Protein backbone atom coordinates (compact mmCIF):
# COMPACT_ATOMS: atom_id res chain seq x y z
CA MET A 1 -223.01 -19.94 -35.68
CA GLN A 2 -222.38 -16.88 -37.84
CA GLN A 3 -221.09 -15.01 -34.78
CA TYR A 4 -218.53 -17.76 -34.04
CA LEU A 5 -217.52 -17.85 -37.72
CA LYS A 6 -216.87 -14.11 -37.70
CA GLN A 7 -214.77 -14.44 -34.56
CA TYR A 8 -212.70 -17.26 -36.07
CA LEU A 9 -212.19 -15.29 -39.28
CA LEU A 10 -211.12 -12.22 -37.30
CA PHE A 11 -208.72 -14.36 -35.27
CA PHE A 12 -207.06 -15.85 -38.37
CA VAL A 13 -206.83 -12.43 -40.05
CA ILE A 14 -205.03 -11.05 -36.99
CA VAL A 15 -202.67 -14.04 -36.84
CA PHE A 16 -201.90 -13.82 -40.57
CA THR A 17 -201.26 -10.07 -40.37
CA THR A 18 -198.98 -10.52 -37.37
CA LEU A 19 -196.97 -13.30 -39.01
CA HIS A 20 -196.69 -11.30 -42.23
CA SER A 21 -195.52 -8.25 -40.30
CA ASN A 22 -192.96 -10.29 -38.36
CA ALA A 23 -191.65 -11.75 -41.59
CA GLN A 24 -191.06 -8.25 -42.93
CA PHE A 25 -188.91 -7.40 -39.92
CA LYS A 26 -186.67 -10.35 -40.82
CA ASP A 27 -185.86 -8.82 -44.20
CA THR A 28 -182.37 -7.45 -44.71
CA SER A 29 -181.76 -4.21 -46.59
CA LYS A 30 -178.76 -4.17 -48.89
CA TRP A 31 -177.84 -0.55 -48.08
CA LYS A 32 -178.22 1.29 -44.77
CA ALA A 33 -177.20 4.66 -43.38
CA LEU A 34 -176.26 4.77 -39.70
CA PHE A 35 -176.14 7.72 -37.30
CA ALA A 36 -175.44 7.50 -33.57
CA VAL A 37 -174.42 9.72 -30.65
CA GLY A 38 -173.13 8.85 -27.20
CA PHE A 39 -170.17 8.86 -24.84
CA ASN A 40 -166.51 7.88 -24.92
CA TYR A 41 -163.77 6.88 -22.49
CA PRO A 42 -160.15 7.34 -23.66
CA LEU A 43 -157.93 4.93 -21.70
CA SER A 44 -155.02 6.35 -19.75
CA ASN A 45 -152.44 4.33 -21.74
CA GLY A 46 -152.55 6.95 -24.50
CA PHE A 47 -151.68 9.99 -22.37
CA ILE A 48 -148.50 11.31 -20.84
CA LYS A 49 -148.08 10.72 -17.12
CA GLY A 50 -150.50 12.93 -15.20
CA GLY A 51 -152.67 13.69 -18.25
CA ASN A 52 -155.68 11.38 -17.83
CA ALA A 53 -159.10 12.15 -19.34
CA GLN A 54 -162.50 11.92 -17.69
CA ARG A 55 -164.09 8.47 -17.66
CA ILE A 56 -167.25 9.71 -19.40
CA ASN A 57 -166.90 12.26 -22.21
CA PHE A 58 -169.50 13.78 -24.53
CA PRO A 59 -170.05 13.89 -27.44
CA THR A 60 -169.28 10.85 -29.52
CA VAL A 61 -170.76 10.96 -33.04
CA ASN A 62 -170.68 8.05 -35.50
CA LEU A 63 -171.74 8.21 -39.17
CA GLY A 64 -171.66 5.22 -41.52
CA VAL A 65 -172.89 3.49 -44.65
CA GLN A 66 -173.41 -0.29 -44.59
CA HIS A 67 -173.60 -2.64 -47.58
CA MET A 68 -174.73 -6.24 -47.04
CA LEU A 69 -173.12 -8.73 -49.43
CA ARG A 70 -175.40 -11.52 -48.19
CA SER A 71 -178.26 -11.66 -45.70
CA ASN A 72 -175.93 -12.19 -42.74
CA TYR A 73 -172.66 -10.45 -43.64
CA GLY A 74 -171.36 -7.35 -45.35
CA VAL A 75 -169.11 -4.31 -44.99
CA LYS A 76 -169.42 -0.75 -43.76
CA LEU A 77 -167.44 2.46 -43.93
CA ASP A 78 -167.86 4.76 -40.95
CA TYR A 79 -166.53 7.97 -39.45
CA GLY A 80 -166.39 8.78 -35.76
CA PHE A 81 -165.75 11.95 -33.76
CA ASN A 82 -164.98 12.12 -30.03
CA ARG A 83 -164.40 15.08 -27.72
CA SER A 84 -162.70 14.44 -24.39
CA LYS A 85 -161.35 16.61 -21.58
CA SER A 86 -159.06 16.22 -18.60
CA ARG A 87 -160.09 15.08 -15.15
CA ASP A 88 -160.31 17.65 -12.37
CA GLU A 89 -157.13 16.37 -10.71
CA SER A 90 -155.25 16.18 -14.06
CA LEU A 91 -153.38 18.77 -16.08
CA ASP A 92 -155.87 20.78 -18.14
CA PHE A 93 -156.53 19.84 -21.79
CA LYS A 94 -159.24 19.08 -24.36
CA ILE A 95 -158.89 16.76 -27.35
CA ASN A 96 -160.74 16.23 -30.62
CA TYR A 97 -160.35 12.58 -31.63
CA SER A 98 -161.64 11.42 -35.02
CA ARG A 99 -161.32 8.16 -36.93
CA ILE A 100 -162.35 6.45 -40.14
CA ASN A 101 -162.75 2.66 -40.37
CA ALA A 102 -163.57 0.03 -42.98
CA GLN A 103 -165.28 -2.84 -41.17
CA PHE A 104 -166.66 -6.30 -41.77
CA VAL A 105 -170.14 -6.81 -40.31
CA PHE A 106 -171.75 -10.11 -39.35
CA ASP A 107 -175.38 -10.71 -38.34
CA PRO A 108 -175.71 -13.94 -36.29
CA SER A 109 -179.39 -13.29 -35.48
CA GLN A 110 -180.65 -16.29 -37.46
CA TYR A 111 -178.52 -18.57 -35.27
CA ILE A 112 -179.93 -17.09 -32.04
CA GLY A 113 -183.35 -18.71 -31.89
CA PHE A 114 -184.75 -16.89 -28.86
CA LEU A 115 -184.48 -13.34 -30.29
CA PRO A 116 -187.78 -11.64 -31.22
CA SER A 117 -188.19 -10.87 -34.93
CA ARG A 118 -187.71 -7.13 -34.33
CA LEU A 119 -184.28 -7.62 -32.74
CA ARG A 120 -180.98 -8.12 -34.54
CA THR A 121 -177.45 -8.50 -33.21
CA ILE A 122 -174.64 -7.14 -35.38
CA LEU A 123 -170.92 -7.75 -34.83
CA HIS A 124 -168.40 -5.48 -36.55
CA ALA A 125 -164.60 -5.19 -36.77
CA GLY A 126 -161.96 -3.71 -39.04
CA PRO A 127 -158.91 -1.48 -39.49
CA GLY A 128 -158.83 2.28 -39.66
CA PHE A 129 -156.95 5.51 -39.07
CA SER A 130 -157.19 7.87 -36.08
CA PHE A 131 -156.47 11.57 -35.68
CA ALA A 132 -156.01 13.18 -32.24
CA LYS A 133 -155.71 16.97 -31.98
CA PRO A 134 -155.49 18.89 -28.69
CA LEU A 135 -157.34 22.21 -28.60
CA GLY A 136 -155.97 25.64 -27.75
CA ASN A 137 -152.24 26.28 -27.69
CA LEU A 138 -151.52 22.51 -27.45
CA GLY A 139 -152.35 21.98 -31.13
CA ASP A 140 -148.77 21.11 -32.05
CA ASN A 141 -149.14 17.84 -30.11
CA LYS A 142 -151.56 16.33 -32.63
CA GLN A 143 -151.02 12.70 -33.66
CA SER A 144 -152.28 10.27 -36.29
CA PHE A 145 -152.03 6.48 -36.19
CA LEU A 146 -153.54 3.19 -37.33
CA ASN A 147 -156.26 1.50 -35.32
CA ILE A 148 -158.35 -1.67 -35.16
CA MET A 149 -161.98 -1.32 -34.10
CA GLY A 150 -164.44 -3.96 -32.92
CA GLY A 151 -167.88 -3.90 -31.39
CA MET A 152 -171.43 -5.18 -31.11
CA GLU A 153 -174.73 -3.54 -32.04
CA LEU A 154 -178.27 -4.40 -30.97
CA HIS A 155 -180.96 -3.25 -33.43
CA PHE A 156 -184.69 -2.90 -32.73
CA ALA A 157 -186.88 -2.43 -35.81
CA ILE A 158 -189.45 0.38 -35.58
CA ASN A 159 -190.70 -0.41 -39.08
CA GLU A 160 -189.35 -1.90 -42.32
CA LYS A 161 -187.15 1.14 -42.97
CA VAL A 162 -185.92 2.40 -39.58
CA SER A 163 -184.27 0.72 -36.59
CA VAL A 164 -183.05 2.07 -33.28
CA TYR A 165 -179.72 0.59 -32.27
CA GLY A 166 -177.15 0.68 -29.50
CA ASP A 167 -173.45 0.10 -30.12
CA LEU A 168 -170.60 -0.73 -27.75
CA SER A 169 -167.21 -0.46 -29.49
CA TYR A 170 -163.51 -0.59 -28.63
CA ILE A 171 -160.86 1.21 -30.69
CA TYR A 172 -157.32 -0.09 -30.27
CA GLY A 173 -154.48 2.27 -31.25
CA LEU A 174 -151.64 0.53 -33.14
CA THR A 175 -148.83 2.78 -31.92
CA SER A 176 -147.05 4.05 -28.84
CA LEU A 177 -146.91 7.50 -27.31
CA ASP A 178 -144.06 9.74 -28.47
CA ASP A 179 -141.25 10.53 -26.07
CA TYR A 180 -141.43 14.10 -24.73
CA ASP A 181 -138.66 15.91 -22.90
CA PRO A 182 -139.84 17.40 -20.67
CA VAL A 183 -142.97 15.21 -20.33
CA LEU A 184 -145.16 18.30 -19.89
CA SER A 185 -144.44 19.31 -23.49
CA GLY A 186 -146.62 16.36 -24.59
CA LEU A 187 -149.73 17.57 -22.75
CA GLY A 188 -152.86 16.77 -24.73
CA ALA A 189 -151.16 14.22 -26.96
CA PHE A 190 -153.09 10.95 -27.24
CA ASN A 191 -152.67 7.76 -29.25
CA GLY A 192 -154.22 5.10 -27.02
CA ASN A 193 -157.42 3.06 -26.89
CA VAL A 194 -160.99 4.36 -26.71
CA LEU A 195 -164.23 2.78 -25.50
CA ASN A 196 -167.41 4.12 -27.13
CA ALA A 197 -171.08 3.67 -26.18
CA THR A 198 -173.66 5.15 -28.58
CA ILE A 199 -177.33 4.95 -29.54
CA GLY A 200 -178.78 5.93 -32.90
CA LEU A 201 -180.81 5.16 -36.02
CA ALA A 202 -180.22 2.79 -38.93
CA VAL A 203 -182.18 3.82 -42.05
CA SER A 204 -182.67 1.57 -45.06
CA LEU A 205 -181.53 3.12 -48.37
CA SER A 206 -182.90 0.25 -50.46
CA GLY A 207 -185.77 -2.19 -50.48
CA CYS A 208 -185.52 -5.79 -49.29
CA GLN A 209 -182.66 -7.45 -51.14
CA PHE A 210 -182.00 -10.42 -48.88
CA CYS A 211 -184.79 -12.21 -47.03
CA ASN A 212 -184.26 -15.03 -44.54
């Protein structure tokens, strides 16, 4: 009898610990720092004719700070840097593309019942400003323009403070390419749209402020 009682007690201790741990992963930190690296694809609509970039370019680096106003929505300010280069069959160039965006973030995880407690889905969107600067002797063809960015993140909690996340984002340039005469004089200029795919870490800067 005592042996069975010990087994039952052990079973309930394990269940309680597991449920308590899962509840902690549902907590929402008010402040988070985000860091991610990955790849980018600048769409051809932002280049002069014959100046297309490679479909996969490295690196892409994103840095951000996120502030949750409630448990399921908030804001974030983030900076991104992309490096891209021309395709083999294109005219030769390299570009540094950077941006800064203020975004609204929304966490619909509580409405998605089948997600495990360690997983969160984050949607983000907002306006920003982009800077494109060709390298080498093409530096005079730099451009700056407004953008709108949107994307989706999938977070997996390692513990109460750190999550690994993947982000797929699209940056839409709110402008049109300058007219160049001859066209070749605009080599390396870019003001189009960019697709980013990154993976990184989200680190809590505060304790639990909002708990579901």
